[in-house]
Structures are given as structure tokens and as C-alpha cells.
Amino acid sequence: MSAPLIKLSDLAIGASAIVRQFPPNGTAFVRLREMGLLAGTSVTVVRAAPLGDPLEIKVRGYHLTLRKADAAHVLVEPAS
């Protein structure tokens, strides 16, 4: 049985997950997909800015910074 899906923005610092659902449209989401954030991709939350926004994640071997509002639209399955 798979774990429940949570928002990428709710993933704890240092935690890893697999991207499962991704909004299909919008210019910001097209840009994120172009940078490698796709369904089935493994991501790790590296750190958050002092006030919690933006988030830095590691995806496909590089670090990507994204706003928490954008990360809230990406659903992930936490790695066990």
C-alpha cells in the first residue's frame, strides 16, 4: 500500500519523496517541468529560507529553489 500524498511544501527538511501529481498547466508549472520536476522524480528538501520561503530542493542531481506557494501544488509520496 502506498503512503498518502502530501504537498511538497509540507515535506520536512532533509526528507525525500517521489513526485506523484503535478498540475497540468500554467507557465510556472511548465517552467518547473522543463527544469526536471516531473511525476516519478525523486526530490529531497535541502533547506528553507529563514522565514520558511523559498524552499531549496535537490532534484536530478542539482539544487532548485522554488516558492512555497508553487511547491504547494506539487503532490509527493514520502519515501519510507
N, C-alpha and C. Protein backbone atom coordinates (compact mmCIF):
# COMPACT_ATOMS: atom_id res chain seq x y z
N MET A 1 0.85 -1.18 0.00
CA MET A 1 0.00 0.00 0.00
C MET A 1 0.89 1.24 0.00
N SER A 2 0.57 2.21 -0.83
CA SER A 2 1.39 3.41 -0.93
C SER A 2 1.03 4.40 0.18
N ALA A 3 1.99 5.25 0.48
CA ALA A 3 1.80 6.27 1.51
C ALA A 3 0.86 7.35 0.99
N PRO A 4 0.17 8.06 1.88
CA PRO A 4 -0.71 9.14 1.43
C PRO A 4 0.12 10.27 0.80
N LEU A 5 -0.48 10.95 -0.16
CA LEU A 5 0.21 12.06 -0.83
C LEU A 5 0.14 13.32 0.03
N ILE A 6 1.25 14.05 0.04
CA ILE A 6 1.29 15.32 0.75
C ILE A 6 1.85 16.39 -0.19
N LYS A 7 1.69 17.63 0.20
CA LYS A 7 2.23 18.73 -0.60
C LYS A 7 3.74 18.77 -0.44
N LEU A 8 4.44 19.08 -1.52
CA LEU A 8 5.89 19.23 -1.46
C LEU A 8 6.26 20.30 -0.43
N SER A 9 5.45 21.32 -0.30
CA SER A 9 5.72 22.41 0.65
C SER A 9 5.64 21.94 2.10
N ASP A 10 4.95 20.81 2.37
CA ASP A 10 4.81 20.27 3.73
C ASP A 10 5.87 19.23 4.07
N LEU A 11 6.72 18.88 3.13
CA LEU A 11 7.75 17.88 3.37
C LEU A 11 8.82 18.46 4.30
N ALA A 12 9.25 17.68 5.28
CA ALA A 12 10.23 18.14 6.26
C ALA A 12 11.61 18.32 5.62
N ILE A 13 12.40 19.19 6.20
CA ILE A 13 13.77 19.43 5.73
C ILE A 13 14.56 18.12 5.88
N GLY A 14 15.25 17.74 4.82
CA GLY A 14 16.03 16.50 4.82
C GLY A 14 15.25 15.29 4.35
N ALA A 15 13.94 15.43 4.21
CA ALA A 15 13.10 14.30 3.79
C ALA A 15 13.11 14.17 2.27
N SER A 16 12.95 12.94 1.82
CA SER A 16 12.88 12.65 0.38
C SER A 16 11.49 12.15 0.03
N ALA A 17 11.14 12.32 -1.24
CA ALA A 17 9.83 11.87 -1.71
C ALA A 17 9.87 11.70 -3.22
N ILE A 18 8.82 11.11 -3.73
CA ILE A 18 8.66 10.92 -5.18
C ILE A 18 7.49 11.80 -5.62
N VAL A 19 7.71 12.59 -6.67
CA VAL A 19 6.63 13.42 -7.21
C VAL A 19 5.58 12.51 -7.83
N ARG A 20 4.31 12.69 -7.44
CA ARG A 20 3.23 11.85 -7.94
C ARG A 20 2.21 12.62 -8.77
N GLN A 21 1.84 13.82 -8.33
CA GLN A 21 0.86 14.60 -9.07
C GLN A 21 1.38 16.01 -9.28
N PHE A 22 1.11 16.51 -10.46
CA PHE A 22 1.66 17.79 -10.87
C PHE A 22 0.59 18.51 -11.67
N PRO A 23 0.33 19.78 -11.40
CA PRO A 23 -0.69 20.50 -12.18
C PRO A 23 -0.33 20.48 -13.67
N PRO A 24 -1.29 20.25 -14.53
CA PRO A 24 -1.01 20.09 -15.95
C PRO A 24 -0.81 21.39 -16.74
N ASN A 25 -1.10 22.54 -16.13
CA ASN A 25 -0.99 23.77 -16.91
C ASN A 25 -0.48 24.94 -16.08
N GLY A 26 -0.26 26.05 -16.75
CA GLY A 26 0.27 27.25 -16.10
C GLY A 26 1.73 27.44 -16.45
N THR A 27 2.13 28.68 -16.67
CA THR A 27 3.50 28.95 -17.11
C THR A 27 4.54 28.56 -16.06
N ALA A 28 4.23 28.77 -14.79
CA ALA A 28 5.19 28.40 -13.73
C ALA A 28 5.41 26.89 -13.72
N PHE A 29 4.37 26.13 -13.97
CA PHE A 29 4.49 24.68 -13.91
C PHE A 29 5.17 24.13 -15.14
N VAL A 30 4.99 24.78 -16.27
CA VAL A 30 5.72 24.39 -17.48
C VAL A 30 7.22 24.59 -17.22
N ARG A 31 7.56 25.71 -16.60
CA ARG A 31 8.96 26.01 -16.30
C ARG A 31 9.54 24.98 -15.33
N LEU A 32 8.79 24.59 -14.31
CA LEU A 32 9.28 23.58 -13.36
C LEU A 32 9.49 22.24 -14.04
N ARG A 33 8.58 21.87 -14.92
CA ARG A 33 8.75 20.60 -15.66
C ARG A 33 9.99 20.66 -16.54
N GLU A 34 10.23 21.80 -17.17
CA GLU A 34 11.42 21.95 -18.01
C GLU A 34 12.70 21.82 -17.20
N MET A 35 12.63 22.14 -15.91
CA MET A 35 13.80 22.02 -15.04
C MET A 35 13.93 20.64 -14.41
N GLY A 36 13.05 19.70 -14.79
CA GLY A 36 13.20 18.32 -14.35
C GLY A 36 12.27 17.86 -13.26
N LEU A 37 11.37 18.70 -12.81
CA LEU A 37 10.43 18.30 -11.76
C LEU A 37 9.22 17.65 -12.42
N LEU A 38 9.29 16.31 -12.58
CA LEU A 38 8.27 15.54 -13.28
C LEU A 38 7.71 14.45 -12.38
N ALA A 39 6.52 13.95 -12.71
CA ALA A 39 5.95 12.83 -11.96
C ALA A 39 6.91 11.65 -12.02
N GLY A 40 7.14 11.02 -10.86
CA GLY A 40 8.05 9.89 -10.77
C GLY A 40 9.47 10.28 -10.38
N THR A 41 9.74 11.57 -10.32
CA THR A 41 11.08 12.07 -9.98
C THR A 41 11.28 12.11 -8.47
N SER A 42 12.44 11.70 -8.02
CA SER A 42 12.79 11.77 -6.60
C SER A 42 13.28 13.17 -6.25
N VAL A 43 12.79 13.70 -5.13
CA VAL A 43 13.22 15.02 -4.66
C VAL A 43 13.57 14.94 -3.18
N THR A 44 14.47 15.81 -2.74
CA THR A 44 14.83 15.93 -1.33
C THR A 44 14.79 17.40 -0.96
N VAL A 45 14.14 17.72 0.16
CA VAL A 45 14.12 19.10 0.64
C VAL A 45 15.45 19.34 1.35
N VAL A 46 16.23 20.29 0.84
CA VAL A 46 17.55 20.58 1.39
C VAL A 46 17.46 21.58 2.53
N ARG A 47 16.77 22.68 2.30
CA ARG A 47 16.63 23.70 3.34
C ARG A 47 15.55 24.70 2.94
N ALA A 48 15.19 25.52 3.91
CA ALA A 48 14.23 26.60 3.68
C ALA A 48 14.90 27.90 4.10
N ALA A 49 14.47 28.98 3.51
CA ALA A 49 14.97 30.30 3.89
C ALA A 49 14.57 30.58 5.35
N PRO A 50 15.21 31.54 6.00
CA PRO A 50 14.92 31.80 7.42
C PRO A 50 13.44 31.99 7.75
N LEU A 51 12.67 32.57 6.87
CA LEU A 51 11.24 32.75 7.15
C LEU A 51 10.39 31.63 6.54
N GLY A 52 11.05 30.58 6.04
CA GLY A 52 10.34 29.42 5.52
C GLY A 52 10.03 29.46 4.03
N ASP A 53 10.35 30.55 3.36
CA ASP A 53 10.05 30.68 1.93
C ASP A 53 11.16 31.46 1.27
N PRO A 54 11.81 30.99 0.24
CA PRO A 54 11.52 29.81 -0.58
C PRO A 54 12.15 28.54 -0.01
N LEU A 55 11.86 27.44 -0.70
CA LEU A 55 12.44 26.13 -0.36
C LEU A 55 13.53 25.79 -1.37
N GLU A 56 14.54 25.09 -0.89
CA GLU A 56 15.57 24.57 -1.79
C GLU A 56 15.42 23.06 -1.81
N ILE A 57 15.25 22.50 -3.02
CA ILE A 57 15.13 21.06 -3.16
C ILE A 57 16.23 20.54 -4.07
N LYS A 58 16.55 19.28 -3.89
CA LYS A 58 17.51 18.62 -4.78
C LYS A 58 16.71 17.70 -5.69
N VAL A 59 16.88 17.92 -7.00
CA VAL A 59 16.16 17.14 -7.99
C VAL A 59 17.10 16.84 -9.15
N ARG A 60 17.20 15.57 -9.53
CA ARG A 60 18.06 15.14 -10.64
C ARG A 60 19.51 15.62 -10.51
N GLY A 61 20.02 15.65 -9.28
CA GLY A 61 21.43 15.97 -9.06
C GLY A 61 21.76 17.45 -8.93
N TYR A 62 20.77 18.32 -9.00
CA TYR A 62 21.06 19.75 -8.81
C TYR A 62 20.06 20.36 -7.84
N HIS A 63 20.37 21.55 -7.38
CA HIS A 63 19.53 22.23 -6.40
C HIS A 63 18.63 23.23 -7.11
N LEU A 64 17.37 23.24 -6.72
CA LEU A 64 16.35 24.10 -7.31
C LEU A 64 15.66 24.84 -6.18
N THR A 65 15.50 26.13 -6.34
CA THR A 65 14.80 26.93 -5.34
C THR A 65 13.43 27.28 -5.90
N LEU A 66 12.38 27.04 -5.09
CA LEU A 66 11.05 27.40 -5.54
C LEU A 66 10.22 27.96 -4.39
N ARG A 67 9.28 28.78 -4.77
CA ARG A 67 8.41 29.39 -3.76
C ARG A 67 7.53 28.34 -3.13
N LYS A 68 7.22 28.55 -1.86
CA LYS A 68 6.38 27.60 -1.14
C LYS A 68 4.99 27.51 -1.79
N ALA A 69 4.50 28.61 -2.33
CA ALA A 69 3.19 28.61 -2.99
C ALA A 69 3.20 27.69 -4.21
N ASP A 70 4.30 27.67 -4.96
CA ASP A 70 4.41 26.77 -6.11
C ASP A 70 4.56 25.32 -5.64
N ALA A 71 5.34 25.11 -4.59
CA ALA A 71 5.56 23.76 -4.06
C ALA A 71 4.28 23.16 -3.50
N ALA A 72 3.34 24.01 -3.08
CA ALA A 72 2.07 23.51 -2.51
C ALA A 72 1.21 22.84 -3.57
N HIS A 73 1.46 23.09 -4.85
CA HIS A 73 0.67 22.49 -5.92
C HIS A 73 1.22 21.15 -6.39
N VAL A 74 2.40 20.78 -5.89
CA VAL A 74 3.04 19.52 -6.28
C VAL A 74 2.79 18.50 -5.17
N LEU A 75 2.15 17.38 -5.51
CA LEU A 75 1.89 16.33 -4.51
C LEU A 75 2.96 15.26 -4.62
N VAL A 76 3.46 14.83 -3.46
CA VAL A 76 4.54 13.84 -3.40
C VAL A 76 4.17 12.69 -2.48
N GLU A 77 4.84 11.58 -2.71
CA GLU A 77 4.71 10.41 -1.83
C GLU A 77 5.99 10.30 -1.03
N PRO A 78 5.94 10.52 0.29
CA PRO A 78 7.17 10.45 1.09
C PRO A 78 7.86 9.09 0.96
N ALA A 79 9.18 9.12 0.88
CA ALA A 79 9.97 7.89 0.81
C ALA A 79 10.00 7.25 2.18
N SER A 80 9.92 5.94 2.21
CA SER A 80 9.93 5.26 3.52
C SER A 80 11.30 4.80 3.91
